[in-house]
Amino acid sequence: MKVYVIVRKDLEPAQQIVQACHAVAELFMLLGPHSWWQSLPEWGREHKTIVVLGVKNEVTLARFCHFKPEWLAVATFKEPDMDNQLTAAACGPVPDELADEVFGKFNLL
């Protein structure tokens, strides 16, 4: 299982890192200890893999978030200092056997 972070490639590299971190923090708050997502503790004990992927722009990121598989937990981050633009999304944990189906069209950042 891995956590996937999707960040916009039209941001400066330093901003990509910051926005990715914000999205991961949002995901872990969303999936916290009282969450329905029971595999999060297992991910933290055994796997701890985060994959960072890039998308062209905000429209592409928003499209992914809108059309994501129903079972996929996604936390988004909108940057207040950028007029609340959608900048990144964190997803998962995702079983390895489903990763290509969901993220196969994206490139590693």
PDB file of N, CA and C in Angstrom:
ATOM      1  N   MET A   1       0.842  -1.191   0.000  1.00  0.00           N
ATOM      2  CA  MET A   1       0.000   0.000   0.000  1.00  0.00           C
ATOM      3  C   MET A   1       0.875   1.238   0.000  1.00  0.00           C
ATOM      4  N   LYS A   2       0.404   2.231  -0.731  1.00  0.00           N
ATOM      5  CA  LYS A   2       1.126   3.484  -0.823  1.00  0.00           C
ATOM      6  C   LYS A   2       0.142   4.650  -0.719  1.00  0.00           C
ATOM      7  N   VAL A   3       0.650   5.774  -0.284  1.00  0.00           N
ATOM      8  CA  VAL A   3      -0.086   7.028  -0.342  1.00  0.00           C
ATOM      9  C   VAL A   3       0.417   7.747  -1.579  1.00  0.00           C
ATOM     10  N   TYR A   4      -0.509   8.286  -2.365  1.00  0.00           N
ATOM     11  CA  TYR A   4      -0.162   9.013  -3.586  1.00  0.00           C
ATOM     12  C   TYR A   4      -0.510  10.476  -3.416  1.00  0.00           C
ATOM     13  N   VAL A   5       0.419  11.335  -3.833  1.00  0.00           N
ATOM     14  CA  VAL A   5       0.202  12.771  -3.787  1.00  0.00           C
ATOM     15  C   VAL A   5       0.289  13.273  -5.221  1.00  0.00           C
ATOM     16  N   ILE A   6      -0.701  14.050  -5.615  1.00  0.00           N
ATOM     17  CA  ILE A   6      -0.729  14.621  -6.956  1.00  0.00           C
ATOM     18  C   ILE A   6      -0.614  16.121  -6.796  1.00  0.00           C
ATOM     19  N   VAL A   7       0.376  16.695  -7.458  1.00  0.00           N
ATOM     20  CA  VAL A   7       0.637  18.124  -7.328  1.00  0.00           C
ATOM     21  C   VAL A   7       0.760  18.740  -8.718  1.00  0.00           C
ATOM     22  N   ARG A   8       0.453  20.001  -8.804  1.00  0.00           N
ATOM     23  CA  ARG A   8       0.485  20.706 -10.090  1.00  0.00           C
ATOM     24  C   ARG A   8       1.914  20.992 -10.545  1.00  0.00           C
ATOM     25  N   LYS A   9       2.183  20.680 -11.805  1.00  0.00           N
ATOM     26  CA  LYS A   9       3.510  20.947 -12.364  1.00  0.00           C
ATOM     27  C   LYS A   9       3.667  22.404 -12.799  1.00  0.00           C
ATOM     28  N   ASP A  10       2.592  23.182 -12.825  1.00  0.00           N
ATOM     29  CA  ASP A  10       2.711  24.592 -13.190  1.00  0.00           C
ATOM     30  C   ASP A  10       3.096  25.476 -12.000  1.00  0.00           C
ATOM     31  N   LEU A  11       3.397  24.854 -10.868  1.00  0.00           N
ATOM     32  CA  LEU A  11       3.902  25.581  -9.698  1.00  0.00           C
ATOM     33  C   LEU A  11       5.421  25.473  -9.658  1.00  0.00           C
ATOM     34  N   GLU A  12       6.052  26.423  -8.994  1.00  0.00           N
ATOM     35  CA  GLU A  12       7.499  26.364  -8.804  1.00  0.00           C
ATOM     36  C   GLU A  12       7.844  25.132  -7.954  1.00  0.00           C
ATOM     37  N   PRO A  13       9.022  24.546  -8.155  1.00  0.00           N
ATOM     38  CA  PRO A  13       9.388  23.334  -7.400  1.00  0.00           C
ATOM     39  C   PRO A  13       9.245  23.477  -5.877  1.00  0.00           C
ATOM     40  N   ALA A  14       9.638  24.587  -5.329  1.00  0.00           N
ATOM     41  CA  ALA A  14       9.506  24.773  -3.879  1.00  0.00           C
ATOM     42  C   ALA A  14       8.036  24.751  -3.470  1.00  0.00           C
ATOM     43  N   GLN A  15       7.177  25.360  -4.273  1.00  0.00           N
ATOM     44  CA  GLN A  15       5.743  25.349  -3.977  1.00  0.00           C
ATOM     45  C   GLN A  15       5.153  23.958  -4.122  1.00  0.00           C
ATOM     46  N   GLN A  16       5.643  23.186  -5.075  1.00  0.00           N
ATOM     47  CA  GLN A  16       5.168  21.812  -5.240  1.00  0.00           C
ATOM     48  C   GLN A  16       5.409  21.009  -3.968  1.00  0.00           C
ATOM     49  N   ILE A  17       6.575  21.171  -3.392  1.00  0.00           N
ATOM     50  CA  ILE A  17       6.907  20.445  -2.162  1.00  0.00           C
ATOM     51  C   ILE A  17       5.983  20.869  -1.026  1.00  0.00           C
ATOM     52  N   VAL A  18       5.823  22.150  -0.850  1.00  0.00           N
ATOM     53  CA  VAL A  18       4.979  22.668   0.232  1.00  0.00           C
ATOM     54  C   VAL A  18       3.539  22.200   0.058  1.00  0.00           C
ATOM     55  N   GLN A  19       3.027  22.309  -1.151  1.00  0.00           N
ATOM     56  CA  GLN A  19       1.633  21.935  -1.391  1.00  0.00           C
ATOM     57  C   GLN A  19       1.420  20.431  -1.205  1.00  0.00           C
ATOM     58  N   ALA A  20       2.392  19.630  -1.628  1.00  0.00           N
ATOM     59  CA  ALA A  20       2.306  18.184  -1.426  1.00  0.00           C
ATOM     60  C   ALA A  20       2.245  17.856   0.064  1.00  0.00           C
ATOM     61  N   CYS A  21       3.075  18.521   0.848  1.00  0.00           N
ATOM     62  CA  CYS A  21       3.074  18.294   2.303  1.00  0.00           C
ATOM     63  C   CYS A  21       1.734  18.684   2.913  1.00  0.00           C
ATOM     64  N   HIS A  22       1.171  19.806   2.485  1.00  0.00           N
ATOM     65  CA  HIS A  22      -0.145  20.226   2.984  1.00  0.00           C
ATOM     66  C   HIS A  22      -1.195  19.161   2.684  1.00  0.00           C
ATOM     67  N   ALA A  23      -1.172  18.623   1.479  1.00  0.00           N
ATOM     68  CA  ALA A  23      -2.171  17.623   1.089  1.00  0.00           C
ATOM     69  C   ALA A  23      -2.031  16.347   1.920  1.00  0.00           C
ATOM     70  N   VAL A  24      -0.806  15.913   2.173  1.00  0.00           N
ATOM     71  CA  VAL A  24      -0.594  14.715   2.998  1.00  0.00           C
ATOM     72  C   VAL A  24      -1.100  14.968   4.421  1.00  0.00           C
ATOM     73  N   ALA A  25      -0.824  16.134   4.961  1.00  0.00           N
ATOM     74  CA  ALA A  25      -1.324  16.459   6.300  1.00  0.00           C
ATOM     75  C   ALA A  25      -2.853  16.421   6.328  1.00  0.00           C
ATOM     76  N   GLU A  26      -3.487  16.950   5.291  1.00  0.00           N
ATOM     77  CA  GLU A  26      -4.942  16.924   5.196  1.00  0.00           C
ATOM     78  C   GLU A  26      -5.461  15.486   5.138  1.00  0.00           C
ATOM     79  N   LEU A  27      -4.772  14.631   4.370  1.00  0.00           N
ATOM     80  CA  LEU A  27      -5.189  13.232   4.268  1.00  0.00           C
ATOM     81  C   LEU A  27      -5.119  12.544   5.626  1.00  0.00           C
ATOM     82  N   PHE A  28      -4.027  12.743   6.349  1.00  0.00           N
ATOM     83  CA  PHE A  28      -3.892  12.074   7.635  1.00  0.00           C
ATOM     84  C   PHE A  28      -4.871  12.620   8.664  1.00  0.00           C
ATOM     85  N   MET A  29      -5.252  13.890   8.547  1.00  0.00           N
ATOM     86  CA  MET A  29      -6.304  14.407   9.427  1.00  0.00           C
ATOM     87  C   MET A  29      -7.648  13.788   9.056  1.00  0.00           C
ATOM     88  N   LEU A  30      -7.893  13.670   7.761  1.00  0.00           N
ATOM     89  CA  LEU A  30      -9.141  13.071   7.279  1.00  0.00           C
ATOM     90  C   LEU A  30      -9.260  11.621   7.720  1.00  0.00           C
ATOM     91  N   LEU A  31      -8.169  10.893   7.646  1.00  0.00           N
ATOM     92  CA  LEU A  31      -8.177   9.468   7.943  1.00  0.00           C
ATOM     93  C   LEU A  31      -7.740   9.149   9.365  1.00  0.00           C
ATOM     94  N   GLY A  32      -7.788  10.118  10.234  1.00  0.00           N
ATOM     95  CA  GLY A  32      -7.274   9.991  11.598  1.00  0.00           C
ATOM     96  C   GLY A  32      -7.746   8.761  12.356  1.00  0.00           C
ATOM     97  N   PRO A  33      -7.439   8.684  13.630  1.00  0.00           N
ATOM     98  CA  PRO A  33      -7.664   7.484  14.423  1.00  0.00           C
ATOM     99  C   PRO A  33      -9.137   7.074  14.535  1.00  0.00           C
ATOM    100  N   HIS A  34     -10.057   7.976  14.293  1.00  0.00           N
ATOM    101  CA  HIS A  34     -11.477   7.647  14.391  1.00  0.00           C
ATOM    102  C   HIS A  34     -12.098   7.443  13.019  1.00  0.00           C
ATOM    103  N   SER A  35     -11.257   7.237  12.026  1.00  0.00           N
ATOM    104  CA  SER A  35     -11.721   7.112  10.656  1.00  0.00           C
ATOM    105  C   SER A  35     -12.258   5.722  10.361  1.00  0.00           C
ATOM    106  N   TRP A  36     -13.078   5.648   9.346  1.00  0.00           N
ATOM    107  CA  TRP A  36     -13.554   4.356   8.845  1.00  0.00           C
ATOM    108  C   TRP A  36     -12.440   3.625   8.120  1.00  0.00           C
ATOM    109  N   TRP A  37     -11.390   4.338   7.767  1.00  0.00           N
ATOM    110  CA  TRP A  37     -10.313   3.730   6.981  1.00  0.00           C
ATOM    111  C   TRP A  37      -9.393   2.954   7.914  1.00  0.00           C
ATOM    112  N   GLN A  38      -9.589   1.659   8.021  1.00  0.00           N
ATOM    113  CA  GLN A  38      -8.884   0.842   8.999  1.00  0.00           C
ATOM    114  C   GLN A  38      -7.463   0.483   8.596  1.00  0.00           C
ATOM    115  N   SER A  39      -7.103   0.671   7.340  1.00  0.00           N
ATOM    116  CA  SER A  39      -5.767   0.263   6.903  1.00  0.00           C
ATOM    117  C   SER A  39      -4.713   1.334   7.148  1.00  0.00           C
ATOM    118  N   LEU A  40      -5.092   2.516   7.578  1.00  0.00           N
ATOM    119  CA  LEU A  40      -4.105   3.564   7.814  1.00  0.00           C
ATOM    120  C   LEU A  40      -3.059   3.161   8.846  1.00  0.00           C
ATOM    121  N   PRO A  41      -3.433   2.601  10.003  1.00  0.00           N
ATOM    122  CA  PRO A  41      -2.384   2.179  10.950  1.00  0.00           C
ATOM    123  C   PRO A  41      -1.444   1.139  10.350  1.00  0.00           C
ATOM    124  N   GLU A  42      -1.975   0.217   9.551  1.00  0.00           N
ATOM    125  CA  GLU A  42      -1.126  -0.786   8.904  1.00  0.00           C
ATOM    126  C   GLU A  42      -0.130  -0.118   7.967  1.00  0.00           C
ATOM    127  N   TRP A  43      -0.584   0.867   7.205  1.00  0.00           N
ATOM    128  CA  TRP A  43       0.309   1.586   6.290  1.00  0.00           C
ATOM    129  C   TRP A  43       1.445   2.220   7.084  1.00  0.00           C
ATOM    130  N   GLY A  44       1.129   2.844   8.195  1.00  0.00           N
ATOM    131  CA  GLY A  44       2.135   3.529   8.997  1.00  0.00           C
ATOM    132  C   GLY A  44       3.146   2.601   9.640  1.00  0.00           C
ATOM    133  N   ARG A  45       2.748   1.417  10.001  1.00  0.00           N
ATOM    134  CA  ARG A  45       3.656   0.470  10.647  1.00  0.00           C
ATOM    135  C   ARG A  45       4.563  -0.227   9.652  1.00  0.00           C
ATOM    136  N   GLU A  46       4.026  -0.584   8.493  1.00  0.00           N
ATOM    137  CA  GLU A  46       4.757  -1.475   7.607  1.00  0.00           C
ATOM    138  C   GLU A  46       5.256  -0.849   6.315  1.00  0.00           C
ATOM    139  N   HIS A  47       4.556   0.080   5.743  1.00  0.00           N
ATOM    140  CA  HIS A  47       4.862   0.492   4.381  1.00  0.00           C
ATOM    141  C   HIS A  47       5.526   1.868   4.294  1.00  0.00           C
ATOM    142  N   LYS A  48       4.844   2.871   4.745  1.00  0.00           N
ATOM    143  CA  LYS A  48       5.371   4.236   4.787  1.00  0.00           C
ATOM    144  C   LYS A  48       5.886   4.747   3.441  1.00  0.00           C
ATOM    145  N   THR A  49       5.272   4.336   2.344  1.00  0.00           N
ATOM    146  CA  THR A  49       5.695   4.792   1.028  1.00  0.00           C
ATOM    147  C   THR A  49       4.754   5.876   0.534  1.00  0.00           C
ATOM    148  N   ILE A  50       5.328   6.991   0.108  1.00  0.00           N
ATOM    149  CA  ILE A  50       4.570   8.081  -0.490  1.00  0.00           C
ATOM    150  C   ILE A  50       5.119   8.295  -1.897  1.00  0.00           C
ATOM    151  N   VAL A  51       4.219   8.315  -2.868  1.00  0.00           N
ATOM    152  CA  VAL A  51       4.584   8.529  -4.266  1.00  0.00           C
ATOM    153  C   VAL A  51       4.055   9.897  -4.674  1.00  0.00           C
ATOM    154  N   VAL A  52       4.913  10.748  -5.249  1.00  0.00           N
ATOM    155  CA  VAL A  52       4.504  12.085  -5.661  1.00  0.00           C
ATOM    156  C   VAL A  52       4.419  12.119  -7.188  1.00  0.00           C
ATOM    157  N   LEU A  53       3.241  12.482  -7.669  1.00  0.00           N
ATOM    158  CA  LEU A  53       2.966  12.540  -9.094  1.00  0.00           C
ATOM    159  C   LEU A  53       2.630  13.969  -9.494  1.00  0.00           C
ATOM    160  N   GLY A  54       2.814  14.285 -10.766  1.00  0.00           N
ATOM    161  CA  GLY A  54       2.527  15.621 -11.254  1.00  0.00           C
ATOM    162  C   GLY A  54       1.433  15.636 -12.294  1.00  0.00           C
ATOM    163  N   VAL A  55       0.629  16.695 -12.269  1.00  0.00           N
ATOM    164  CA  VAL A  55      -0.372  16.953 -13.306  1.00  0.00           C
ATOM    165  C   VAL A  55      -0.125  18.335 -13.879  1.00  0.00           C
ATOM    166  N   LYS A  56      -0.632  18.560 -15.059  1.00  0.00           N
ATOM    167  CA  LYS A  56      -0.341  19.782 -15.815  1.00  0.00           C
ATOM    168  C   LYS A  56      -0.750  21.066 -15.081  1.00  0.00           C
ATOM    169  N   ASN A  57      -1.974  21.080 -14.534  1.00  0.00           N
ATOM    170  CA  ASN A  57      -2.488  22.342 -13.979  1.00  0.00           C
ATOM    171  C   ASN A  57      -3.673  22.069 -13.046  1.00  0.00           C
ATOM    172  N   GLU A  58      -4.288  23.150 -12.589  1.00  0.00           N
ATOM    173  CA  GLU A  58      -5.400  23.039 -11.653  1.00  0.00           C
ATOM    174  C   GLU A  58      -6.602  22.319 -12.269  1.00  0.00           C
ATOM    175  N   VAL A  59      -6.877  22.575 -13.517  1.00  0.00           N
ATOM    176  CA  VAL A  59      -8.014  21.933 -14.184  1.00  0.00           C
ATOM    177  C   VAL A  59      -7.838  20.417 -14.207  1.00  0.00           C
ATOM    178  N   THR A  60      -6.644  19.953 -14.528  1.00  0.00           N
ATOM    179  CA  THR A  60      -6.373  18.520 -14.577  1.00  0.00           C
ATOM    180  C   THR A  60      -6.497  17.900 -13.189  1.00  0.00           C
ATOM    181  N   LEU A  61      -6.001  18.587 -12.191  1.00  0.00           N
ATOM    182  CA  LEU A  61      -6.097  18.095 -10.817  1.00  0.00           C
ATOM    183  C   LEU A  61      -7.558  18.027 -10.370  1.00  0.00           C
ATOM    184  N   ALA A  62      -8.306  19.060 -10.661  1.00  0.00           N
ATOM    185  CA  ALA A  62      -9.728  19.080 -10.289  1.00  0.00           C
ATOM    186  C   ALA A  62     -10.496  17.975 -11.004  1.00  0.00           C
ATOM    187  N   ARG A  63     -10.172  17.723 -12.244  1.00  0.00           N
ATOM    188  CA  ARG A  63     -10.824  16.659 -13.001  1.00  0.00           C
ATOM    189  C   ARG A  63     -10.563  15.297 -12.347  1.00  0.00           C
ATOM    190  N   PHE A  64      -9.302  15.065 -11.960  1.00  0.00           N
ATOM    191  CA  PHE A  64      -8.985  13.805 -11.279  1.00  0.00           C
ATOM    192  C   PHE A  64      -9.816  13.669 -10.002  1.00  0.00           C
ATOM    193  N   CYS A  65      -9.842  14.713  -9.192  1.00  0.00           N
ATOM    194  CA  CYS A  65     -10.561  14.651  -7.915  1.00  0.00           C
ATOM    195  C   CYS A  65     -12.052  14.411  -8.123  1.00  0.00           C
ATOM    196  N   HIS A  66     -12.604  14.970  -9.179  1.00  0.00           N
ATOM    197  CA  HIS A  66     -14.030  14.818  -9.453  1.00  0.00           C
ATOM    198  C   HIS A  66     -14.373  13.412  -9.952  1.00  0.00           C
ATOM    199  N   PHE A  67     -13.504  12.858 -10.787  1.00  0.00           N
ATOM    200  CA  PHE A  67     -13.791  11.565 -11.412  1.00  0.00           C
ATOM    201  C   PHE A  67     -13.041  10.391 -10.773  1.00  0.00           C
ATOM    202  N   LYS A  68     -12.500  10.563  -9.586  1.00  0.00           N
ATOM    203  CA  LYS A  68     -11.750   9.505  -8.906  1.00  0.00           C
ATOM    204  C   LYS A  68     -12.654   8.312  -8.629  1.00  0.00           C
ATOM    205  N   PRO A  69     -12.065   7.127  -8.445  1.00  0.00           N
ATOM    206  CA  PRO A  69     -12.886   5.980  -8.052  1.00  0.00           C
ATOM    207  C   PRO A  69     -13.589   6.254  -6.725  1.00  0.00           C
ATOM    208  N   GLU A  70     -14.778   5.750  -6.595  1.00  0.00           N
ATOM    209  CA  GLU A  70     -15.589   6.014  -5.408  1.00  0.00           C
ATOM    210  C   GLU A  70     -14.923   5.533  -4.118  1.00  0.00           C
ATOM    211  N   TRP A  71     -14.185   4.448  -4.180  1.00  0.00           N
ATOM    212  CA  TRP A  71     -13.562   3.868  -2.986  1.00  0.00           C
ATOM    213  C   TRP A  71     -12.318   4.619  -2.518  1.00  0.00           C
ATOM    214  N   LEU A  72     -11.798   5.522  -3.352  1.00  0.00           N
ATOM    215  CA  LEU A  72     -10.523   6.182  -3.068  1.00  0.00           C
ATOM    216  C   LEU A  72     -10.701   7.384  -2.142  1.00  0.00           C
ATOM    217  N   ALA A  73     -10.024   7.349  -0.998  1.00  0.00           N
ATOM    218  CA  ALA A  73     -10.022   8.491  -0.082  1.00  0.00           C
ATOM    219  C   ALA A  73      -9.090   9.562  -0.635  1.00  0.00           C
ATOM    220  N   VAL A  74      -9.598  10.780  -0.783  1.00  0.00           N
ATOM    221  CA  VAL A  74      -8.804  11.883  -1.327  1.00  0.00           C
ATOM    222  C   VAL A  74      -8.984  13.108  -0.441  1.00  0.00           C
ATOM    223  N   ALA A  75      -7.858  13.719  -0.086  1.00  0.00           N
ATOM    224  CA  ALA A  75      -7.872  14.991   0.631  1.00  0.00           C
ATOM    225  C   ALA A  75      -7.221  16.021  -0.285  1.00  0.00           C
ATOM    226  N   THR A  76      -7.875  17.123  -0.475  1.00  0.00           N
ATOM    227  CA  THR A  76      -7.341  18.176  -1.341  1.00  0.00           C
ATOM    228  C   THR A  76      -6.819  19.324  -0.496  1.00  0.00           C
ATOM    229  N   PHE A  77      -5.966  20.114  -1.134  1.00  0.00           N
ATOM    230  CA  PHE A  77      -5.494  21.327  -0.470  1.00  0.00           C
ATOM    231  C   PHE A  77      -5.642  22.500  -1.417  1.00  0.00           C
ATOM    232  N   LYS A  78      -6.235  23.564  -0.892  1.00  0.00           N
ATOM    233  CA  LYS A  78      -6.375  24.822  -1.633  1.00  0.00           C
ATOM    234  C   LYS A  78      -5.547  25.861  -0.909  1.00  0.00           C
ATOM    235  N   GLU A  79      -4.643  26.490  -1.634  1.00  0.00           N
ATOM    236  CA  GLU A  79      -3.693  27.428  -1.037  1.00  0.00           C
ATOM    237  C   GLU A  79      -4.326  28.800  -0.832  1.00  0.00           C
ATOM    238  N   PRO A  80      -4.471  29.240   0.438  1.00  0.00           N
ATOM    239  CA  PRO A  80      -5.040  30.554   0.711  1.00  0.00           C
ATOM    240  C   PRO A  80      -4.244  31.700   0.082  1.00  0.00           C
ATOM    241  N   ASP A  81      -2.921  31.561   0.017  1.00  0.00           N
ATOM    242  CA  ASP A  81      -2.087  32.627  -0.549  1.00  0.00           C
ATOM    243  C   ASP A  81      -2.125  32.667  -2.078  1.00  0.00           C
ATOM    244  N   MET A  82      -2.868  31.747  -2.688  1.00  0.00           N
ATOM    245  CA  MET A  82      -3.008  31.713  -4.146  1.00  0.00           C
ATOM    246  C   MET A  82      -4.492  31.765  -4.508  1.00  0.00           C
ATOM    247  N   ASP A  83      -5.242  32.609  -3.807  1.00  0.00           N
ATOM    248  CA  ASP A  83      -6.678  32.771  -4.050  1.00  0.00           C
ATOM    249  C   ASP A  83      -7.442  31.447  -3.940  1.00  0.00           C
ATOM    250  N   ASN A  84      -7.022  30.612  -3.012  1.00  0.00           N
ATOM    251  CA  ASN A  84      -7.665  29.314  -2.756  1.00  0.00           C
ATOM    252  C   ASN A  84      -7.690  28.393  -3.971  1.00  0.00           C
ATOM    253  N   GLN A  85      -6.653  28.474  -4.789  1.00  0.00           N
ATOM    254  CA  GLN A  85      -6.531  27.549  -5.902  1.00  0.00           C
ATOM    255  C   GLN A  85      -6.259  26.146  -5.378  1.00  0.00           C
ATOM    256  N   LEU A  86      -6.802  25.153  -6.066  1.00  0.00           N
ATOM    257  CA  LEU A  86      -6.504  23.763  -5.779  1.00  0.00           C
ATOM    258  C   LEU A  86      -5.071  23.494  -6.226  1.00  0.00           C
ATOM    259  N   THR A  87      -4.223  23.063  -5.302  1.00  0.00           N
ATOM    260  CA  THR A  87      -2.807  22.893  -5.625  1.00  0.00           C
ATOM    261  C   THR A  87      -2.318  21.451  -5.532  1.00  0.00           C
ATOM    262  N   ALA A  88      -2.969  20.640  -4.685  1.00  0.00           N
ATOM    263  CA  ALA A  88      -2.496  19.268  -4.503  1.00  0.00           C
ATOM    264  C   ALA A  88      -3.609  18.407  -3.914  1.00  0.00           C
ATOM    265  N   ALA A  89      -3.452  17.107  -4.106  1.00  0.00           N
ATOM    266  CA  ALA A  89      -4.376  16.136  -3.524  1.00  0.00           C
ATOM    267  C   ALA A  89      -3.563  14.937  -3.050  1.00  0.00           C
ATOM    268  N   ALA A  90      -3.951  14.388  -1.919  1.00  0.00           N
ATOM    269  CA  ALA A  90      -3.313  13.178  -1.400  1.00  0.00           C
ATOM    270  C   ALA A  90      -4.362  12.079  -1.357  1.00  0.00           C
ATOM    271  N   CYS A  91      -3.961  10.880  -1.738  1.00  0.00           N
ATOM    272  CA  CYS A  91      -4.895   9.770  -1.896  1.00  0.00           C
ATOM    273  C   CYS A  91      -4.356   8.526  -1.216  1.00  0.00           C
ATOM    274  N   GLY A  92      -5.271   7.767  -0.635  1.00  0.00           N
ATOM    275  CA  GLY A  92      -4.830   6.469  -0.164  1.00  0.00           C
ATOM    276  C   GLY A  92      -5.184   6.192   1.271  1.00  0.00           C
ATOM    277  N   PRO A  93      -4.510   5.201   1.800  1.00  0.00           N
ATOM    278  CA  PRO A  93      -3.547   4.298   1.187  1.00  0.00           C
ATOM    279  C   PRO A  93      -4.202   3.465   0.074  1.00  0.00           C
ATOM    280  N   VAL A  94      -3.432   3.189  -0.974  1.00  0.00           N
ATOM    281  CA  VAL A  94      -3.926   2.469  -2.136  1.00  0.00           C
ATOM    282  C   VAL A  94      -3.196   1.135  -2.245  1.00  0.00           C
ATOM    283  N   PRO A  95      -3.942   0.047  -2.335  1.00  0.00           N
ATOM    284  CA  PRO A  95      -3.297  -1.255  -2.542  1.00  0.00           C
ATOM    285  C   PRO A  95      -2.516  -1.263  -3.859  1.00  0.00           C
ATOM    286  N   ASP A  96      -1.370  -1.895  -3.856  1.00  0.00           N
ATOM    287  CA  ASP A  96      -0.497  -1.904  -5.034  1.00  0.00           C
ATOM    288  C   ASP A  96      -1.199  -2.414  -6.279  1.00  0.00           C
ATOM    289  N   GLU A  97      -2.079  -3.386  -6.133  1.00  0.00           N
ATOM    290  CA  GLU A  97      -2.730  -3.965  -7.302  1.00  0.00           C
ATOM    291  C   GLU A  97      -3.724  -3.023  -7.981  1.00  0.00           C
ATOM    292  N   LEU A  98      -4.099  -1.937  -7.319  1.00  0.00           N
ATOM    293  CA  LEU A  98      -5.023  -0.963  -7.905  1.00  0.00           C
ATOM    294  C   LEU A  98      -4.330   0.314  -8.365  1.00  0.00           C
ATOM    295  N   ALA A  99      -3.072   0.477  -8.033  1.00  0.00           N
ATOM    296  CA  ALA A  99      -2.363   1.733  -8.287  1.00  0.00           C
ATOM    297  C   ALA A  99      -2.286   2.084  -9.769  1.00  0.00           C
ATOM    298  N   ASP A 100      -1.927   1.144 -10.620  1.00  0.00           N
ATOM    299  CA  ASP A 100      -1.801   1.444 -12.051  1.00  0.00           C
ATOM    300  C   ASP A 100      -3.126   1.871 -12.651  1.00  0.00           C
ATOM    301  N   GLU A 101      -4.193   1.233 -12.217  1.00  0.00           N
ATOM    302  CA  GLU A 101      -5.525   1.564 -12.721  1.00  0.00           C
ATOM    303  C   GLU A 101      -5.882   3.023 -12.425  1.00  0.00           C
ATOM    304  N   VAL A 102      -5.512   3.485 -11.256  1.00  0.00           N
ATOM    305  CA  VAL A 102      -5.887   4.831 -10.821  1.00  0.00           C
ATOM    306  C   VAL A 102      -4.871   5.893 -11.240  1.00  0.00           C
ATOM    307  N   PHE A 103      -3.569   5.558 -11.119  1.00  0.00           N
ATOM    308  CA  PHE A 103      -2.534   6.572 -11.294  1.00  0.00           C
ATOM    309  C   PHE A 103      -1.620   6.334 -12.498  1.00  0.00           C
ATOM    310  N   GLY A 104      -1.899   5.318 -13.288  1.00  0.00           N
ATOM    311  CA  GLY A 104      -1.013   4.941 -14.393  1.00  0.00           C
ATOM    312  C   GLY A 104      -0.781   6.026 -15.430  1.00  0.00           C
ATOM    313  N   LYS A 105      -1.690   6.959 -15.558  1.00  0.00           N
ATOM    314  CA  LYS A 105      -1.546   8.013 -16.580  1.00  0.00           C
ATOM    315  C   LYS A 105      -0.709   9.200 -16.107  1.00  0.00           C
ATOM    316  N   PHE A 106      -0.339   9.226 -14.831  1.00  0.00           N
ATOM    317  CA  PHE A 106       0.433  10.338 -14.291  1.00  0.00           C
ATOM    318  C   PHE A 106       1.914  10.009 -14.258  1.00  0.00           C
ATOM    319  N   ASN A 107       2.738  11.039 -14.295  1.00  0.00           N
ATOM    320  CA  ASN A 107       4.199  10.873 -14.230  1.00  0.00           C
ATOM    321  C   ASN A 107       4.704  11.186 -12.823  1.00  0.00           C
ATOM    322  N   LEU A 108       5.780  10.474 -12.454  1.00  0.00           N
ATOM    323  CA  LEU A 108       6.447  10.815 -11.204  1.00  0.00           C
ATOM    324  C   LEU A 108       6.964  12.240 -11.289  1.00  0.00           C
ATOM    325  N   LEU A 109       6.925  12.929 -10.190  1.00  0.00           N
ATOM    326  CA  LEU A 109       7.428  14.296 -10.166  1.00  0.00           C
ATOM    327  C   LEU A 109       8.902  14.305  -9.866  1.00  0.00           C
TER     328      LEU A 109
END
